[in-house]
């Protein structure tokens, strides 16, 4: 699955990013590792000019504050973006 390069990570007027599509499958068809996906998302955010953020890997039942921007480990975990203070 390929993510669109342009426009996907543009910040809106409030500085929030739109949700990234949940990418759960690795290229070989296996389950996407959370740390690997977290690194990929971080690289995309930095490339889009976002400099102040924190990505957390959490169980899907314990999301709390932040915005879900990814799903991994067969949907059992979520990657959540929150603003760095």
N, C-alpha and C. Protein backbone atom coordinates (compact mmCIF):
# COMPACT_ATOMS: atom_id res chain seq x y z
N UNK A 1 0.86 -1.16 0.00
CA UNK A 1 0.00 0.00 0.00
C UNK A 1 0.90 1.23 0.00
N UNK A 2 0.65 2.17 -0.87
CA UNK A 2 1.44 3.38 -0.95
C UNK A 2 0.61 4.55 -0.46
N UNK A 3 1.24 5.44 0.28
CA UNK A 3 0.57 6.63 0.75
C UNK A 3 0.81 7.76 -0.24
N UNK A 4 -0.18 8.58 -0.51
CA UNK A 4 0.04 9.73 -1.40
C UNK A 4 1.09 10.65 -0.81
N UNK A 5 1.98 11.15 -1.64
CA UNK A 5 3.08 11.98 -1.17
C UNK A 5 2.66 13.42 -0.92
N UNK A 6 1.82 13.97 -1.75
CA UNK A 6 1.49 15.39 -1.64
C UNK A 6 0.13 15.59 -1.00
N UNK A 7 0.06 16.56 -0.11
CA UNK A 7 -1.21 16.97 0.45
C UNK A 7 -1.68 16.16 1.64
N UNK A 8 -1.19 14.97 1.83
CA UNK A 8 -1.68 14.13 2.91
C UNK A 8 -1.33 14.70 4.27
N UNK A 9 -0.15 15.26 4.40
CA UNK A 9 0.30 15.70 5.71
C UNK A 9 0.23 17.22 5.89
N UNK A 10 -0.48 17.91 5.04
CA UNK A 10 -0.59 19.36 5.18
C UNK A 10 -1.38 19.67 6.44
N UNK A 11 -0.85 20.59 7.26
CA UNK A 11 -1.54 20.96 8.48
C UNK A 11 -2.72 21.87 8.16
N UNK A 12 -3.78 21.74 8.94
CA UNK A 12 -4.91 22.63 8.74
C UNK A 12 -4.68 23.92 9.53
N UNK A 13 -5.67 24.80 9.55
CA UNK A 13 -5.50 26.11 10.18
C UNK A 13 -5.24 26.02 11.68
N UNK A 14 -5.68 24.97 12.33
CA UNK A 14 -5.45 24.81 13.76
C UNK A 14 -4.13 24.10 14.05
N UNK A 15 -3.39 23.74 13.03
CA UNK A 15 -2.11 23.06 13.23
C UNK A 15 -2.25 21.57 13.40
N UNK A 16 -3.46 21.04 13.21
CA UNK A 16 -3.66 19.60 13.33
C UNK A 16 -3.42 18.94 11.98
N UNK A 17 -2.97 17.71 12.03
CA UNK A 17 -2.78 16.95 10.81
C UNK A 17 -3.98 16.04 10.59
N UNK A 18 -4.35 15.81 9.35
CA UNK A 18 -5.39 14.82 9.10
C UNK A 18 -4.88 13.43 9.46
N UNK A 19 -5.76 12.54 9.74
CA UNK A 19 -5.35 11.18 10.08
C UNK A 19 -4.68 10.52 8.90
N UNK A 20 -3.59 9.83 9.17
CA UNK A 20 -2.94 9.03 8.14
C UNK A 20 -3.72 7.74 7.98
N UNK A 21 -3.77 7.19 6.80
CA UNK A 21 -4.42 5.89 6.64
C UNK A 21 -3.72 4.85 7.51
N UNK A 22 -4.48 4.00 8.10
CA UNK A 22 -3.89 2.95 8.92
C UNK A 22 -3.19 1.95 8.03
N UNK A 23 -1.91 1.81 8.23
CA UNK A 23 -1.12 0.90 7.41
C UNK A 23 -0.74 -0.27 8.31
N UNK A 24 -1.38 -1.40 8.10
CA UNK A 24 -1.15 -2.52 9.00
C UNK A 24 -0.37 -3.66 8.39
N UNK A 25 -0.25 -3.71 7.08
CA UNK A 25 0.43 -4.83 6.46
C UNK A 25 1.81 -4.45 5.99
N UNK A 26 2.77 -5.30 6.27
CA UNK A 26 4.12 -5.09 5.76
C UNK A 26 4.13 -5.45 4.28
N UNK A 27 5.22 -5.11 3.60
CA UNK A 27 5.30 -5.36 2.16
C UNK A 27 5.12 -6.83 1.81
N UNK A 28 5.57 -7.72 2.68
CA UNK A 28 5.45 -9.14 2.40
C UNK A 28 4.10 -9.71 2.78
N UNK A 29 3.17 -8.88 3.23
CA UNK A 29 1.85 -9.35 3.58
C UNK A 29 1.71 -9.72 5.04
N UNK A 30 2.76 -9.53 5.84
CA UNK A 30 2.69 -9.84 7.25
C UNK A 30 2.12 -8.68 8.04
N UNK A 31 2.15 -8.81 9.35
CA UNK A 31 1.64 -7.77 10.24
C UNK A 31 2.71 -6.71 10.43
N UNK A 32 2.32 -5.44 10.36
CA UNK A 32 3.25 -4.32 10.49
C UNK A 32 3.68 -4.17 11.94
N UNK A 33 4.98 -4.13 12.16
CA UNK A 33 5.56 -3.90 13.48
C UNK A 33 5.31 -2.45 13.90
N UNK A 34 4.92 -2.24 15.15
CA UNK A 34 4.57 -0.90 15.62
C UNK A 34 5.75 0.07 15.58
N UNK A 35 6.92 -0.37 16.00
CA UNK A 35 8.09 0.52 15.99
C UNK A 35 8.46 0.91 14.57
N UNK A 36 8.35 -0.03 13.64
CA UNK A 36 8.65 0.25 12.24
C UNK A 36 7.66 1.28 11.68
N UNK A 37 6.38 1.08 11.94
CA UNK A 37 5.37 2.02 11.46
C UNK A 37 5.54 3.39 12.11
N UNK A 38 5.84 3.40 13.39
CA UNK A 38 6.06 4.66 14.10
C UNK A 38 7.20 5.45 13.46
N UNK A 39 8.28 4.76 13.12
CA UNK A 39 9.42 5.41 12.46
C UNK A 39 9.04 5.96 11.09
N UNK A 40 8.26 5.20 10.34
CA UNK A 40 7.81 5.65 9.01
C UNK A 40 6.93 6.89 9.12
N UNK A 41 6.02 6.89 10.07
CA UNK A 41 5.12 8.03 10.27
C UNK A 41 5.93 9.25 10.70
N UNK A 42 6.87 9.07 11.62
CA UNK A 42 7.71 10.18 12.08
C UNK A 42 8.48 10.79 10.92
N UNK A 43 9.02 9.96 10.06
CA UNK A 43 9.77 10.46 8.90
C UNK A 43 8.86 11.27 7.98
N UNK A 44 7.62 10.82 7.78
CA UNK A 44 6.67 11.55 6.93
C UNK A 44 6.29 12.89 7.56
N UNK A 45 6.12 12.92 8.87
CA UNK A 45 5.79 14.17 9.55
C UNK A 45 6.93 15.18 9.43
N UNK A 46 8.15 14.72 9.67
CA UNK A 46 9.32 15.60 9.56
C UNK A 46 9.47 16.10 8.13
N UNK A 47 9.29 15.22 7.15
CA UNK A 47 9.39 15.61 5.74
C UNK A 47 8.33 16.65 5.38
N UNK A 48 7.19 16.62 6.07
CA UNK A 48 6.12 17.58 5.82
C UNK A 48 6.32 18.89 6.58
N UNK A 49 7.42 18.97 7.34
CA UNK A 49 7.73 20.20 8.06
C UNK A 49 7.17 20.28 9.46
N UNK A 50 6.62 19.20 9.98
CA UNK A 50 6.11 19.18 11.34
C UNK A 50 7.29 18.90 12.26
N UNK A 51 7.53 19.80 13.22
CA UNK A 51 8.72 19.65 14.05
C UNK A 51 8.41 19.35 15.51
N UNK A 52 7.21 19.60 15.96
CA UNK A 52 6.89 19.44 17.37
C UNK A 52 5.77 18.42 17.54
N UNK A 53 6.15 17.17 17.77
CA UNK A 53 5.16 16.12 17.95
C UNK A 53 5.76 14.97 18.76
N UNK A 54 4.88 14.18 19.34
CA UNK A 54 5.26 12.96 20.05
C UNK A 54 4.36 11.86 19.52
N UNK A 55 4.94 10.72 19.19
CA UNK A 55 4.16 9.56 18.76
C UNK A 55 4.22 8.51 19.87
N UNK A 56 3.06 8.01 20.26
CA UNK A 56 2.96 6.98 21.29
C UNK A 56 2.31 5.74 20.70
N UNK A 57 2.78 4.58 21.12
CA UNK A 57 2.15 3.31 20.77
C UNK A 57 1.33 2.88 21.98
N UNK A 58 0.02 2.71 21.78
CA UNK A 58 -0.87 2.37 22.88
C UNK A 58 -1.80 1.22 22.48
N UNK A 59 -2.29 0.51 23.48
CA UNK A 59 -3.32 -0.50 23.22
C UNK A 59 -4.56 0.21 22.71
N UNK A 60 -5.30 -0.43 21.83
CA UNK A 60 -6.45 0.23 21.21
C UNK A 60 -7.51 0.63 22.24
N UNK A 61 -7.54 -0.03 23.39
CA UNK A 61 -8.52 0.31 24.43
C UNK A 61 -8.06 1.47 25.30
N UNK A 62 -6.80 1.88 25.21
CA UNK A 62 -6.25 2.89 26.12
C UNK A 62 -5.73 4.10 25.36
N UNK A 63 -6.50 4.65 24.48
CA UNK A 63 -6.01 5.72 23.61
C UNK A 63 -5.74 7.02 24.35
N UNK A 64 -6.65 7.53 25.15
CA UNK A 64 -6.43 8.76 25.89
C UNK A 64 -6.35 9.97 24.99
N UNK A 65 -5.46 10.91 25.34
CA UNK A 65 -5.32 12.16 24.58
C UNK A 65 -4.49 11.93 23.33
N UNK A 66 -4.78 12.71 22.31
CA UNK A 66 -4.04 12.63 21.06
C UNK A 66 -4.93 12.20 19.91
N UNK A 67 -4.31 12.12 18.75
CA UNK A 67 -5.04 11.79 17.52
C UNK A 67 -4.48 10.49 16.96
N UNK A 68 -5.34 9.53 16.69
CA UNK A 68 -4.91 8.26 16.12
C UNK A 68 -4.45 8.50 14.69
N UNK A 69 -3.22 8.09 14.39
CA UNK A 69 -2.70 8.26 13.03
C UNK A 69 -2.17 6.96 12.44
N UNK A 70 -2.32 5.86 13.17
CA UNK A 70 -1.87 4.59 12.63
C UNK A 70 -2.37 3.43 13.47
N UNK A 71 -2.35 2.26 12.89
CA UNK A 71 -2.76 1.03 13.55
C UNK A 71 -1.73 -0.03 13.21
N UNK A 72 -1.40 -0.87 14.19
CA UNK A 72 -0.36 -1.87 13.95
C UNK A 72 -0.65 -3.13 14.78
N UNK A 73 0.20 -4.11 14.62
CA UNK A 73 0.08 -5.41 15.29
C UNK A 73 -1.34 -5.97 15.17
N UNK A 74 -1.75 -6.06 13.90
CA UNK A 74 -3.05 -6.65 13.55
C UNK A 74 -4.23 -5.93 14.21
N UNK A 75 -4.10 -4.60 14.35
CA UNK A 75 -5.19 -3.79 14.89
C UNK A 75 -5.29 -3.76 16.39
N UNK A 76 -4.36 -4.38 17.10
CA UNK A 76 -4.42 -4.41 18.56
C UNK A 76 -3.81 -3.17 19.20
N UNK A 77 -3.01 -2.43 18.44
CA UNK A 77 -2.36 -1.23 18.96
C UNK A 77 -2.62 -0.07 18.00
N UNK A 78 -2.51 1.13 18.54
CA UNK A 78 -2.68 2.35 17.77
C UNK A 78 -1.45 3.23 17.96
N UNK A 79 -1.15 4.02 16.94
CA UNK A 79 -0.11 5.04 17.06
C UNK A 79 -0.84 6.37 17.16
N UNK A 80 -0.56 7.09 18.24
CA UNK A 80 -1.26 8.32 18.56
C UNK A 80 -0.27 9.48 18.50
N UNK A 81 -0.69 10.56 17.85
CA UNK A 81 0.14 11.77 17.78
C UNK A 81 -0.40 12.79 18.77
N UNK A 82 0.51 13.35 19.54
CA UNK A 82 0.15 14.47 20.41
C UNK A 82 1.20 15.55 20.25
N UNK A 83 0.84 16.75 20.60
CA UNK A 83 1.75 17.88 20.43
C UNK A 83 2.80 17.86 21.54
N UNK A 84 4.03 18.14 21.16
CA UNK A 84 5.12 18.25 22.12
C UNK A 84 5.00 19.60 22.81
N UNK A 85 5.14 19.60 24.11
CA UNK A 85 5.00 20.86 24.85
C UNK A 85 6.31 21.52 25.08
